[in-house]
Amino acid sequence: MMSSLPQRSVREPRERGVIARGDQTALQGMRLTPFRVWQAPIIAQWVKSEEQLRWLAPSTPPPLTAEKIAAWKRPGGEAFVLAMGRDDAPAGYGELNPMRSGCGDLWLGHLIVRPDLRGRGVGTFLSRALLSEAFEQWGAKRVSLIVFPDNLAALRCYRRAGFITAGEERHQFGGAGSTHRLLRLEIARATVFA
């Protein structure tokens, strides 16, 4: 049984622990906030191809819709938006969900950055902000994720955020389809706060 994560107030990432500087122009004024349903149609527009959707959410059939995004979060987890400006316009999206083991490990999932902000450190900033939330606010012991090995931009982003390759997994998405190889990346609290 999955335990619920405690609800926490969300704050701006700080320059300590797993949070580090990126492109300061791109990152200025961005903060991690709880996801709100009105943001889902905006986020759905960021996925421009079936390949991008496969990388983001391989179990989600095309096309990506606001309703599908709203349904991603697992029970006990929380979805976040990297917000910018007074109107909290979404610049990125990601989730923290409890692992099935229930032993204080979290899964980081469905990480996506607005297309015009990609390649400027926003994904790494978002990853680090989520890691900060996981370790500092929720007391997670470890955060894991899976990524397709051909998603090179995501791999660079996660490695810059401090994730290391912990193994490989094989998954079958969408019923009787083919089996896909994914890399499992993780970062431990002890590594971040050593």
N, C-alpha and C. Protein backbone atom coordinates (compact mmCIF):
# COMPACT_ATOMS: atom_id res chain seq x y z
N MET A 1 0.83 -1.19 0.00
CA MET A 1 0.00 0.00 0.00
C MET A 1 0.88 1.24 0.00
N MET A 2 0.55 2.20 -0.85
CA MET A 2 1.34 3.43 -0.94
C MET A 2 0.89 4.40 0.15
N SER A 3 1.86 5.00 0.81
CA SER A 3 1.52 6.00 1.80
C SER A 3 1.47 7.36 1.13
N SER A 4 0.61 8.22 1.65
CA SER A 4 0.50 9.56 1.09
C SER A 4 1.69 10.39 1.50
N LEU A 5 2.12 11.24 0.59
CA LEU A 5 3.18 12.18 0.90
C LEU A 5 2.55 13.36 1.62
N PRO A 6 3.23 13.92 2.59
CA PRO A 6 2.65 15.06 3.29
C PRO A 6 2.54 16.26 2.35
N GLN A 7 1.48 17.03 2.52
CA GLN A 7 1.31 18.24 1.74
C GLN A 7 2.28 19.29 2.29
N ARG A 8 3.00 19.94 1.43
CA ARG A 8 4.00 20.92 1.83
C ARG A 8 3.74 22.22 1.10
N SER A 9 4.12 23.30 1.73
CA SER A 9 4.07 24.56 1.01
C SER A 9 5.24 24.56 0.03
N VAL A 10 4.99 25.06 -1.14
CA VAL A 10 6.00 25.04 -2.18
C VAL A 10 6.66 26.41 -2.20
N ARG A 11 7.97 26.41 -2.33
CA ARG A 11 8.73 27.65 -2.25
C ARG A 11 9.71 27.72 -3.41
N GLU A 12 10.34 28.87 -3.52
CA GLU A 12 11.34 29.02 -4.57
C GLU A 12 12.55 28.16 -4.25
N PRO A 13 13.14 27.51 -5.25
CA PRO A 13 14.36 26.75 -5.02
C PRO A 13 15.47 27.67 -4.52
N ARG A 14 16.32 27.14 -3.65
CA ARG A 14 17.41 27.92 -3.09
C ARG A 14 18.73 27.48 -3.68
N GLU A 15 19.74 28.31 -3.50
CA GLU A 15 21.09 28.01 -3.98
C GLU A 15 21.83 27.16 -2.96
N ARG A 16 21.30 26.00 -2.61
CA ARG A 16 21.99 25.09 -1.71
C ARG A 16 21.54 23.68 -2.04
N GLY A 17 22.20 22.72 -1.49
CA GLY A 17 21.82 21.34 -1.74
C GLY A 17 21.89 21.01 -3.22
N VAL A 18 20.78 20.55 -3.78
CA VAL A 18 20.76 20.13 -5.17
C VAL A 18 20.42 21.25 -6.13
N ILE A 19 20.13 22.44 -5.61
CA ILE A 19 19.77 23.55 -6.48
C ILE A 19 21.03 24.30 -6.89
N ALA A 20 21.18 24.54 -8.16
CA ALA A 20 22.35 25.27 -8.66
C ALA A 20 21.91 26.22 -9.75
N ARG A 21 22.79 27.09 -10.13
CA ARG A 21 22.48 28.10 -11.13
C ARG A 21 22.39 27.50 -12.53
N GLY A 22 21.57 28.10 -13.34
CA GLY A 22 21.46 27.78 -14.75
C GLY A 22 21.53 29.09 -15.51
N ASP A 23 20.91 29.15 -16.65
CA ASP A 23 20.81 30.38 -17.43
C ASP A 23 19.95 31.35 -16.63
N GLN A 24 20.56 32.33 -15.99
CA GLN A 24 19.84 33.21 -15.08
C GLN A 24 18.76 34.01 -15.79
N THR A 25 18.94 34.32 -17.06
CA THR A 25 17.90 35.03 -17.80
C THR A 25 16.66 34.15 -17.93
N ALA A 26 16.87 32.90 -18.29
CA ALA A 26 15.74 31.98 -18.46
C ALA A 26 15.09 31.63 -17.14
N LEU A 27 15.86 31.59 -16.05
CA LEU A 27 15.35 31.10 -14.78
C LEU A 27 14.81 32.18 -13.86
N GLN A 28 15.03 33.43 -14.19
CA GLN A 28 14.64 34.52 -13.32
C GLN A 28 13.14 34.48 -13.02
N GLY A 29 12.81 34.49 -11.73
CA GLY A 29 11.43 34.54 -11.30
C GLY A 29 10.68 33.22 -11.37
N MET A 30 11.34 32.13 -11.71
CA MET A 30 10.66 30.84 -11.77
C MET A 30 10.59 30.23 -10.38
N ARG A 31 9.48 29.56 -10.10
CA ARG A 31 9.30 28.91 -8.81
C ARG A 31 8.43 27.66 -8.99
N LEU A 32 8.67 26.70 -8.12
CA LEU A 32 7.91 25.46 -8.14
C LEU A 32 6.59 25.68 -7.41
N THR A 33 5.49 25.36 -8.08
CA THR A 33 4.16 25.52 -7.49
C THR A 33 3.35 24.26 -7.76
N PRO A 34 2.31 24.02 -6.97
CA PRO A 34 1.44 22.88 -7.27
C PRO A 34 0.78 23.05 -8.64
N PHE A 35 0.67 21.96 -9.36
CA PHE A 35 -0.02 21.93 -10.65
C PHE A 35 -1.49 22.25 -10.44
N ARG A 36 -2.04 23.03 -11.36
CA ARG A 36 -3.47 23.33 -11.35
C ARG A 36 -4.05 22.90 -12.70
N VAL A 37 -5.27 22.40 -12.66
CA VAL A 37 -5.88 21.82 -13.85
C VAL A 37 -5.93 22.80 -15.02
N TRP A 38 -6.09 24.09 -14.78
CA TRP A 38 -6.16 25.06 -15.88
C TRP A 38 -4.86 25.08 -16.69
N GLN A 39 -3.76 24.57 -16.10
CA GLN A 39 -2.47 24.58 -16.80
C GLN A 39 -2.33 23.39 -17.76
N ALA A 40 -3.15 22.36 -17.60
CA ALA A 40 -3.02 21.14 -18.42
C ALA A 40 -3.15 21.38 -19.92
N PRO A 41 -4.12 22.16 -20.40
CA PRO A 41 -4.19 22.37 -21.86
C PRO A 41 -2.95 23.07 -22.42
N ILE A 42 -2.34 23.93 -21.64
CA ILE A 42 -1.11 24.61 -22.08
C ILE A 42 0.02 23.59 -22.21
N ILE A 43 0.17 22.75 -21.19
CA ILE A 43 1.23 21.74 -21.17
C ILE A 43 1.04 20.73 -22.31
N ALA A 44 -0.20 20.36 -22.59
CA ALA A 44 -0.48 19.39 -23.66
C ALA A 44 0.02 19.89 -25.01
N GLN A 45 0.03 21.20 -25.22
CA GLN A 45 0.48 21.77 -26.49
C GLN A 45 2.00 21.67 -26.67
N TRP A 46 2.73 21.38 -25.62
CA TRP A 46 4.19 21.31 -25.71
C TRP A 46 4.69 20.06 -26.42
N VAL A 47 3.87 19.03 -26.50
CA VAL A 47 4.26 17.78 -27.15
C VAL A 47 3.89 17.88 -28.62
N LYS A 48 4.92 17.86 -29.47
CA LYS A 48 4.73 18.12 -30.90
C LYS A 48 4.78 16.88 -31.79
N SER A 49 5.14 15.71 -31.21
CA SER A 49 5.25 14.52 -32.04
C SER A 49 4.95 13.28 -31.19
N GLU A 50 4.69 12.17 -31.88
CA GLU A 50 4.47 10.91 -31.18
C GLU A 50 5.74 10.46 -30.45
N GLU A 51 6.91 10.76 -31.04
CA GLU A 51 8.16 10.41 -30.36
C GLU A 51 8.30 11.17 -29.05
N GLN A 52 7.99 12.45 -29.05
CA GLN A 52 8.04 13.23 -27.81
C GLN A 52 7.06 12.67 -26.77
N LEU A 53 5.88 12.27 -27.20
CA LEU A 53 4.91 11.69 -26.27
C LEU A 53 5.40 10.35 -25.75
N ARG A 54 6.02 9.55 -26.61
CA ARG A 54 6.58 8.26 -26.17
C ARG A 54 7.64 8.49 -25.10
N TRP A 55 8.52 9.48 -25.29
CA TRP A 55 9.55 9.78 -24.31
C TRP A 55 8.94 10.28 -23.00
N LEU A 56 7.92 11.10 -23.09
CA LEU A 56 7.32 11.71 -21.91
C LEU A 56 6.43 10.75 -21.14
N ALA A 57 5.58 10.03 -21.84
CA ALA A 57 4.56 9.20 -21.20
C ALA A 57 4.23 8.01 -22.10
N PRO A 58 5.09 6.99 -22.09
CA PRO A 58 4.93 5.90 -23.06
C PRO A 58 3.62 5.11 -22.93
N SER A 59 2.97 5.18 -21.78
CA SER A 59 1.69 4.49 -21.61
C SER A 59 0.50 5.33 -22.06
N THR A 60 0.74 6.57 -22.43
CA THR A 60 -0.32 7.49 -22.82
C THR A 60 -0.47 7.46 -24.34
N PRO A 61 -1.63 7.02 -24.84
CA PRO A 61 -1.81 7.00 -26.30
C PRO A 61 -2.02 8.41 -26.85
N PRO A 62 -1.54 8.65 -28.09
CA PRO A 62 -1.75 9.96 -28.69
C PRO A 62 -3.23 10.15 -29.04
N PRO A 63 -3.65 11.38 -29.13
CA PRO A 63 -2.93 12.62 -28.84
C PRO A 63 -2.93 12.91 -27.34
N LEU A 64 -1.98 13.73 -26.90
CA LEU A 64 -1.93 14.15 -25.51
C LEU A 64 -3.01 15.20 -25.28
N THR A 65 -3.81 15.00 -24.24
CA THR A 65 -4.88 15.93 -23.90
C THR A 65 -4.73 16.41 -22.46
N ALA A 66 -5.43 17.47 -22.14
CA ALA A 66 -5.43 18.00 -20.77
C ALA A 66 -5.95 16.95 -19.80
N GLU A 67 -6.95 16.19 -20.20
CA GLU A 67 -7.52 15.17 -19.32
C GLU A 67 -6.49 14.07 -19.01
N LYS A 68 -5.69 13.71 -19.98
CA LYS A 68 -4.66 12.68 -19.76
C LYS A 68 -3.60 13.20 -18.80
N ILE A 69 -3.20 14.46 -18.95
CA ILE A 69 -2.21 15.04 -18.04
C ILE A 69 -2.75 15.07 -16.62
N ALA A 70 -3.99 15.49 -16.44
CA ALA A 70 -4.60 15.57 -15.11
C ALA A 70 -4.69 14.19 -14.45
N ALA A 71 -4.71 13.13 -15.24
CA ALA A 71 -4.82 11.77 -14.69
C ALA A 71 -3.48 11.11 -14.39
N TRP A 72 -2.36 11.73 -14.75
CA TRP A 72 -1.05 11.11 -14.57
C TRP A 72 -0.67 10.89 -13.12
N LYS A 73 -0.90 11.86 -12.26
CA LYS A 73 -0.43 11.80 -10.87
C LYS A 73 -0.99 10.56 -10.17
N ARG A 74 -0.11 9.87 -9.47
CA ARG A 74 -0.51 8.67 -8.73
C ARG A 74 -1.08 9.06 -7.37
N PRO A 75 -1.88 8.18 -6.78
CA PRO A 75 -2.38 8.45 -5.42
C PRO A 75 -1.20 8.65 -4.46
N GLY A 76 -1.29 9.69 -3.65
CA GLY A 76 -0.22 9.99 -2.70
C GLY A 76 0.89 10.83 -3.28
N GLY A 77 0.87 11.09 -4.58
CA GLY A 77 1.89 11.90 -5.22
C GLY A 77 1.43 13.34 -5.40
N GLU A 78 2.29 14.12 -5.99
CA GLU A 78 1.94 15.51 -6.25
C GLU A 78 2.57 15.94 -7.58
N ALA A 79 1.79 16.68 -8.35
CA ALA A 79 2.25 17.24 -9.61
C ALA A 79 2.63 18.70 -9.38
N PHE A 80 3.68 19.14 -10.07
CA PHE A 80 4.19 20.50 -9.91
C PHE A 80 4.37 21.17 -11.25
N VAL A 81 4.34 22.48 -11.21
CA VAL A 81 4.65 23.30 -12.37
C VAL A 81 5.76 24.26 -11.98
N LEU A 82 6.72 24.41 -12.87
CA LEU A 82 7.69 25.48 -12.72
C LEU A 82 7.00 26.70 -13.31
N ALA A 83 6.60 27.62 -12.43
CA ALA A 83 5.78 28.75 -12.85
C ALA A 83 6.64 29.99 -13.01
N MET A 84 6.17 30.87 -13.88
CA MET A 84 6.87 32.13 -14.09
C MET A 84 5.86 33.25 -14.24
N GLY A 85 6.25 34.43 -13.79
CA GLY A 85 5.39 35.60 -13.92
C GLY A 85 4.27 35.64 -12.90
N ARG A 86 3.57 36.74 -12.91
CA ARG A 86 2.46 36.93 -11.96
C ARG A 86 1.31 35.97 -12.19
N ASP A 87 1.14 35.54 -13.44
CA ASP A 87 0.00 34.67 -13.75
C ASP A 87 0.33 33.19 -13.61
N ASP A 88 1.52 32.86 -13.09
CA ASP A 88 1.96 31.47 -12.91
C ASP A 88 1.93 30.69 -14.22
N ALA A 89 2.32 31.34 -15.31
CA ALA A 89 2.40 30.65 -16.60
C ALA A 89 3.37 29.48 -16.47
N PRO A 90 2.96 28.29 -16.91
CA PRO A 90 3.84 27.13 -16.78
C PRO A 90 5.05 27.18 -17.71
N ALA A 91 6.22 26.92 -17.14
CA ALA A 91 7.45 26.82 -17.91
C ALA A 91 7.94 25.37 -17.94
N GLY A 92 7.45 24.55 -17.01
CA GLY A 92 7.81 23.15 -16.92
C GLY A 92 6.82 22.42 -16.05
N TYR A 93 6.82 21.09 -16.15
CA TYR A 93 5.91 20.24 -15.40
C TYR A 93 6.67 19.00 -14.97
N GLY A 94 6.36 18.49 -13.78
CA GLY A 94 6.92 17.23 -13.31
C GLY A 94 6.15 16.75 -12.09
N GLU A 95 6.37 15.49 -11.76
CA GLU A 95 5.65 14.88 -10.64
C GLU A 95 6.61 14.17 -9.69
N LEU A 96 6.22 14.13 -8.44
CA LEU A 96 6.84 13.27 -7.44
C LEU A 96 5.77 12.28 -6.99
N ASN A 97 6.07 11.01 -7.13
CA ASN A 97 5.13 9.96 -6.75
C ASN A 97 5.84 8.95 -5.87
N PRO A 98 5.12 8.38 -4.88
CA PRO A 98 5.74 7.36 -4.05
C PRO A 98 6.01 6.08 -4.84
N MET A 99 7.12 5.45 -4.55
CA MET A 99 7.43 4.16 -5.16
C MET A 99 6.54 3.10 -4.49
N ARG A 100 6.27 2.05 -5.21
CA ARG A 100 5.42 0.99 -4.67
C ARG A 100 6.01 0.36 -3.41
N SER A 101 7.32 0.41 -3.26
CA SER A 101 7.96 -0.19 -2.09
C SER A 101 7.55 0.50 -0.80
N GLY A 102 7.15 1.78 -0.89
CA GLY A 102 6.68 2.51 0.28
C GLY A 102 7.74 2.75 1.33
N CYS A 103 9.01 2.73 0.96
CA CYS A 103 10.09 2.87 1.96
C CYS A 103 10.78 4.23 1.90
N GLY A 104 10.04 5.26 1.54
CA GLY A 104 10.62 6.59 1.50
C GLY A 104 11.27 6.95 0.18
N ASP A 105 11.12 6.11 -0.83
CA ASP A 105 11.66 6.39 -2.15
C ASP A 105 10.57 7.03 -3.00
N LEU A 106 10.98 7.97 -3.83
CA LEU A 106 10.05 8.65 -4.72
C LEU A 106 10.46 8.43 -6.17
N TRP A 107 9.49 8.58 -7.05
CA TRP A 107 9.68 8.47 -8.49
C TRP A 107 9.41 9.85 -9.08
N LEU A 108 10.32 10.34 -9.91
CA LEU A 108 10.15 11.60 -10.62
C LEU A 108 9.65 11.24 -12.01
N GLY A 109 8.53 11.80 -12.40
CA GLY A 109 7.97 11.42 -13.68
C GLY A 109 7.38 12.56 -14.47
N HIS A 110 7.17 12.29 -15.75
CA HIS A 110 6.52 13.17 -16.69
C HIS A 110 7.12 14.58 -16.70
N LEU A 111 8.43 14.63 -16.71
CA LEU A 111 9.12 15.92 -16.73
C LEU A 111 9.13 16.48 -18.14
N ILE A 112 8.64 17.73 -18.29
CA ILE A 112 8.63 18.38 -19.60
C ILE A 112 8.81 19.88 -19.40
N VAL A 113 9.50 20.49 -20.37
CA VAL A 113 9.77 21.92 -20.36
C VAL A 113 9.14 22.54 -21.60
N ARG A 114 8.64 23.75 -21.45
CA ARG A 114 8.06 24.49 -22.57
C ARG A 114 9.08 24.55 -23.71
N PRO A 115 8.67 24.27 -24.94
CA PRO A 115 9.62 24.16 -26.05
C PRO A 115 10.56 25.34 -26.23
N ASP A 116 10.10 26.56 -26.09
CA ASP A 116 10.97 27.72 -26.31
C ASP A 116 11.98 27.94 -25.19
N LEU A 117 11.86 27.18 -24.11
CA LEU A 117 12.80 27.30 -22.99
C LEU A 117 13.78 26.13 -22.92
N ARG A 118 13.67 25.18 -23.82
CA ARG A 118 14.55 24.01 -23.81
C ARG A 118 15.96 24.43 -24.22
N GLY A 119 16.95 23.71 -23.68
CA GLY A 119 18.35 23.97 -24.01
C GLY A 119 18.93 25.16 -23.26
N ARG A 120 18.23 25.65 -22.24
CA ARG A 120 18.68 26.83 -21.49
C ARG A 120 18.84 26.55 -20.00
N GLY A 121 18.83 25.26 -19.61
CA GLY A 121 19.02 24.91 -18.21
C GLY A 121 17.73 24.81 -17.41
N VAL A 122 16.60 25.03 -18.05
CA VAL A 122 15.33 25.01 -17.33
C VAL A 122 14.98 23.60 -16.86
N GLY A 123 15.23 22.59 -17.68
CA GLY A 123 14.96 21.21 -17.28
C GLY A 123 15.79 20.78 -16.10
N THR A 124 17.06 21.16 -16.10
CA THR A 124 17.94 20.83 -14.97
C THR A 124 17.47 21.58 -13.73
N PHE A 125 17.10 22.84 -13.87
CA PHE A 125 16.59 23.64 -12.76
C PHE A 125 15.32 23.01 -12.20
N LEU A 126 14.40 22.59 -13.08
CA LEU A 126 13.18 21.94 -12.64
C LEU A 126 13.49 20.63 -11.93
N SER A 127 14.40 19.83 -12.48
CA SER A 127 14.78 18.56 -11.83
C SER A 127 15.33 18.81 -10.44
N ARG A 128 16.21 19.79 -10.32
CA ARG A 128 16.81 20.10 -9.03
C ARG A 128 15.78 20.66 -8.05
N ALA A 129 14.85 21.45 -8.55
CA ALA A 129 13.79 21.97 -7.68
C ALA A 129 12.93 20.82 -7.15
N LEU A 130 12.62 19.85 -8.01
CA LEU A 130 11.85 18.69 -7.57
C LEU A 130 12.65 17.83 -6.59
N LEU A 131 13.96 17.69 -6.83
CA LEU A 131 14.80 16.96 -5.89
C LEU A 131 14.86 17.67 -4.55
N SER A 132 14.98 18.97 -4.57
CA SER A 132 14.98 19.75 -3.33
C SER A 132 13.69 19.52 -2.56
N GLU A 133 12.58 19.56 -3.25
CA GLU A 133 11.28 19.31 -2.62
C GLU A 133 11.24 17.89 -2.04
N ALA A 134 11.70 16.92 -2.81
CA ALA A 134 11.66 15.53 -2.36
C ALA A 134 12.52 15.30 -1.12
N PHE A 135 13.74 15.81 -1.13
CA PHE A 135 14.66 15.55 -0.03
C PHE A 135 14.44 16.46 1.17
N GLU A 136 14.28 17.75 0.92
CA GLU A 136 14.21 18.71 2.01
C GLU A 136 12.82 18.80 2.63
N GLN A 137 11.78 18.67 1.84
CA GLN A 137 10.43 18.82 2.36
C GLN A 137 9.77 17.50 2.71
N TRP A 138 10.00 16.47 1.92
CA TRP A 138 9.32 15.20 2.14
C TRP A 138 10.19 14.13 2.77
N GLY A 139 11.48 14.43 2.92
CA GLY A 139 12.37 13.48 3.57
C GLY A 139 12.63 12.21 2.79
N ALA A 140 12.56 12.28 1.47
CA ALA A 140 12.80 11.09 0.64
C ALA A 140 14.22 10.57 0.87
N LYS A 141 14.39 9.26 0.78
CA LYS A 141 15.72 8.64 0.88
C LYS A 141 16.39 8.57 -0.48
N ARG A 142 15.56 8.38 -1.52
CA ARG A 142 16.09 8.24 -2.88
C ARG A 142 15.00 8.66 -3.86
N VAL A 143 15.43 9.22 -4.99
CA VAL A 143 14.51 9.58 -6.07
C VAL A 143 15.00 8.86 -7.32
N SER A 144 14.09 8.20 -8.01
CA SER A 144 14.42 7.43 -9.22
C SER A 144 13.56 7.91 -10.38
N LEU A 145 14.00 7.55 -11.58
CA LEU A 145 13.21 7.79 -12.79
C LEU A 145 13.66 6.80 -13.84
N ILE A 146 12.88 6.69 -14.90
CA ILE A 146 13.29 5.89 -16.06
C ILE A 146 13.25 6.80 -17.28
N VAL A 147 14.16 6.51 -18.22
CA VAL A 147 14.28 7.35 -19.41
C VAL A 147 14.70 6.46 -20.59
N PHE A 148 14.16 6.78 -21.75
CA PHE A 148 14.59 6.07 -22.95
C PHE A 148 16.03 6.45 -23.27
N PRO A 149 16.90 5.48 -23.61
CA PRO A 149 18.30 5.80 -23.88
C PRO A 149 18.51 6.70 -25.10
N ASP A 150 17.53 6.77 -26.01
CA ASP A 150 17.68 7.65 -27.17
C ASP A 150 17.20 9.08 -26.89
N ASN A 151 16.72 9.34 -25.69
CA ASN A 151 16.30 10.70 -25.31
C ASN A 151 17.52 11.41 -24.70
N LEU A 152 18.44 11.79 -25.57
CA LEU A 152 19.74 12.32 -25.14
C LEU A 152 19.63 13.63 -24.37
N ALA A 153 18.72 14.50 -24.75
CA ALA A 153 18.56 15.78 -24.04
C ALA A 153 18.11 15.52 -22.60
N ALA A 154 17.18 14.60 -22.41
CA ALA A 154 16.72 14.27 -21.05
C ALA A 154 17.85 13.65 -20.24
N LEU A 155 18.61 12.76 -20.84
CA LEU A 155 19.73 12.14 -20.13
C LEU A 155 20.73 13.19 -19.66
N ARG A 156 21.08 14.13 -20.53
CA ARG A 156 22.00 15.21 -20.14
C ARG A 156 21.41 16.03 -18.98
N CYS A 157 20.15 16.35 -19.08
CA CYS A 157 19.47 17.13 -18.05
C CYS A 157 19.52 16.40 -16.70
N TYR A 158 19.15 15.14 -16.68
CA TYR A 158 19.12 14.38 -15.42
C TYR A 158 20.52 14.20 -14.84
N ARG A 159 21.49 13.97 -15.70
CA ARG A 159 22.86 13.81 -15.19
C ARG A 159 23.39 15.13 -14.63
N ARG A 160 23.07 16.24 -15.25
CA ARG A 160 23.46 17.55 -14.70
C ARG A 160 22.80 17.79 -13.35
N ALA A 161 21.62 17.25 -13.16
CA ALA A 161 20.91 17.40 -11.89
C ALA A 161 21.46 16.47 -10.81
N GLY A 162 22.36 15.54 -11.18
CA GLY A 162 22.99 14.66 -10.20
C GLY A 162 22.58 13.21 -10.25
N PHE A 163 21.67 12.85 -11.14
CA PHE A 163 21.25 11.45 -11.26
C PHE A 163 22.38 10.61 -11.84
N ILE A 164 22.46 9.36 -11.40
CA ILE A 164 23.41 8.39 -11.96
C ILE A 164 22.63 7.19 -12.48
N THR A 165 23.22 6.50 -13.45
CA THR A 165 22.57 5.31 -13.99
C THR A 165 22.67 4.19 -12.96
N ALA A 166 21.52 3.61 -12.63
CA ALA A 166 21.46 2.54 -11.63
C ALA A 166 21.12 1.19 -12.25
N GLY A 167 20.81 1.16 -13.53
CA GLY A 167 20.49 -0.10 -14.18
C GLY A 167 19.62 0.11 -15.39
N GLU A 168 19.14 -1.00 -15.90
CA GLU A 168 18.24 -0.99 -17.05
C GLU A 168 16.97 -1.72 -16.68
N GLU A 169 15.89 -1.34 -17.36
CA GLU A 169 14.61 -2.01 -17.19
C GLU A 169 14.02 -2.26 -18.56
N ARG A 170 13.18 -3.25 -18.64
CA ARG A 170 12.44 -3.53 -19.87
C ARG A 170 10.96 -3.36 -19.53
N HIS A 171 10.27 -2.58 -20.38
CA HIS A 171 8.86 -2.32 -20.16
C HIS A 171 8.08 -2.54 -21.45
N GLN A 172 6.86 -2.99 -21.27
CA GLN A 172 5.94 -3.13 -22.39
C GLN A 172 4.82 -2.14 -22.15
N PHE A 173 4.59 -1.27 -23.11
CA PHE A 173 3.58 -0.23 -22.97
C PHE A 173 2.42 -0.51 -23.91
N GLY A 174 1.24 -0.24 -23.44
CA GLY A 174 0.06 -0.34 -24.29
C GLY A 174 -0.35 -1.74 -24.65
N GLY A 175 -0.25 -2.66 -23.71
CA GLY A 175 -0.75 -4.01 -23.95
C GLY A 175 0.27 -4.92 -24.60
N ALA A 176 -0.07 -5.48 -25.74
CA ALA A 176 0.74 -6.52 -26.39
C ALA A 176 1.80 -5.95 -27.33
N GLY A 177 2.24 -4.74 -27.09
CA GLY A 177 3.25 -4.14 -27.96
C GLY A 177 4.63 -4.70 -27.69
N SER A 178 5.61 -4.09 -28.31
CA SER A 178 6.99 -4.55 -28.15
C SER A 178 7.55 -4.11 -26.79
N THR A 179 8.62 -4.76 -26.40
CA THR A 179 9.30 -4.45 -25.15
C THR A 179 10.35 -3.38 -25.41
N HIS A 180 10.42 -2.39 -24.51
CA HIS A 180 11.34 -1.27 -24.66
C HIS A 180 12.38 -1.28 -23.55
N ARG A 181 13.60 -0.96 -23.92
CA ARG A 181 14.69 -0.83 -22.96
C ARG A 181 14.72 0.60 -22.44
N LEU A 182 14.77 0.75 -21.12
CA LEU A 182 14.87 2.06 -20.49
C LEU A 182 16.00 2.04 -19.49
N LEU A 183 16.57 3.20 -19.25
CA LEU A 183 17.60 3.34 -18.22
C LEU A 183 16.94 3.80 -16.94
N ARG A 184 17.33 3.21 -15.82
CA ARG A 184 16.86 3.64 -14.51
C ARG A 184 17.94 4.53 -13.91
N LEU A 185 17.60 5.76 -13.62
CA LEU A 185 18.51 6.71 -12.98
C LEU A 185 18.02 6.98 -11.58
N GLU A 186 18.95 7.28 -10.68
CA GLU A 186 18.55 7.58 -9.31
C GLU A 186 19.56 8.51 -8.65
N ILE A 187 19.11 9.10 -7.59
CA ILE A 187 19.97 9.93 -6.75
C ILE A 187 19.54 9.71 -5.31
N ALA A 188 20.50 9.50 -4.43
CA ALA A 188 20.21 9.22 -3.03
C ALA A 188 20.39 10.48 -2.18
N ARG A 189 19.56 10.59 -1.18
CA ARG A 189 19.65 11.72 -0.24
C ARG A 189 21.05 11.82 0.34
N ALA A 190 21.64 10.68 0.68
CA ALA A 190 22.98 10.67 1.28
C ALA A 190 24.02 11.26 0.35
N THR A 191 23.82 11.12 -0.96
CA THR A 191 24.74 11.69 -1.94
C THR A 191 24.63 13.20 -1.97
N VAL A 192 23.42 13.69 -1.88
CA VAL A 192 23.17 15.13 -1.97
C VAL A 192 23.61 15.86 -0.72
N PHE A 193 23.37 15.25 0.44
CA PHE A 193 23.66 15.90 1.72
C PHE A 193 24.87 15.30 2.43
N ALA A 194 25.83 14.81 1.65
CA ALA A 194 27.03 14.19 2.24
C ALA A 194 27.94 15.23 2.86
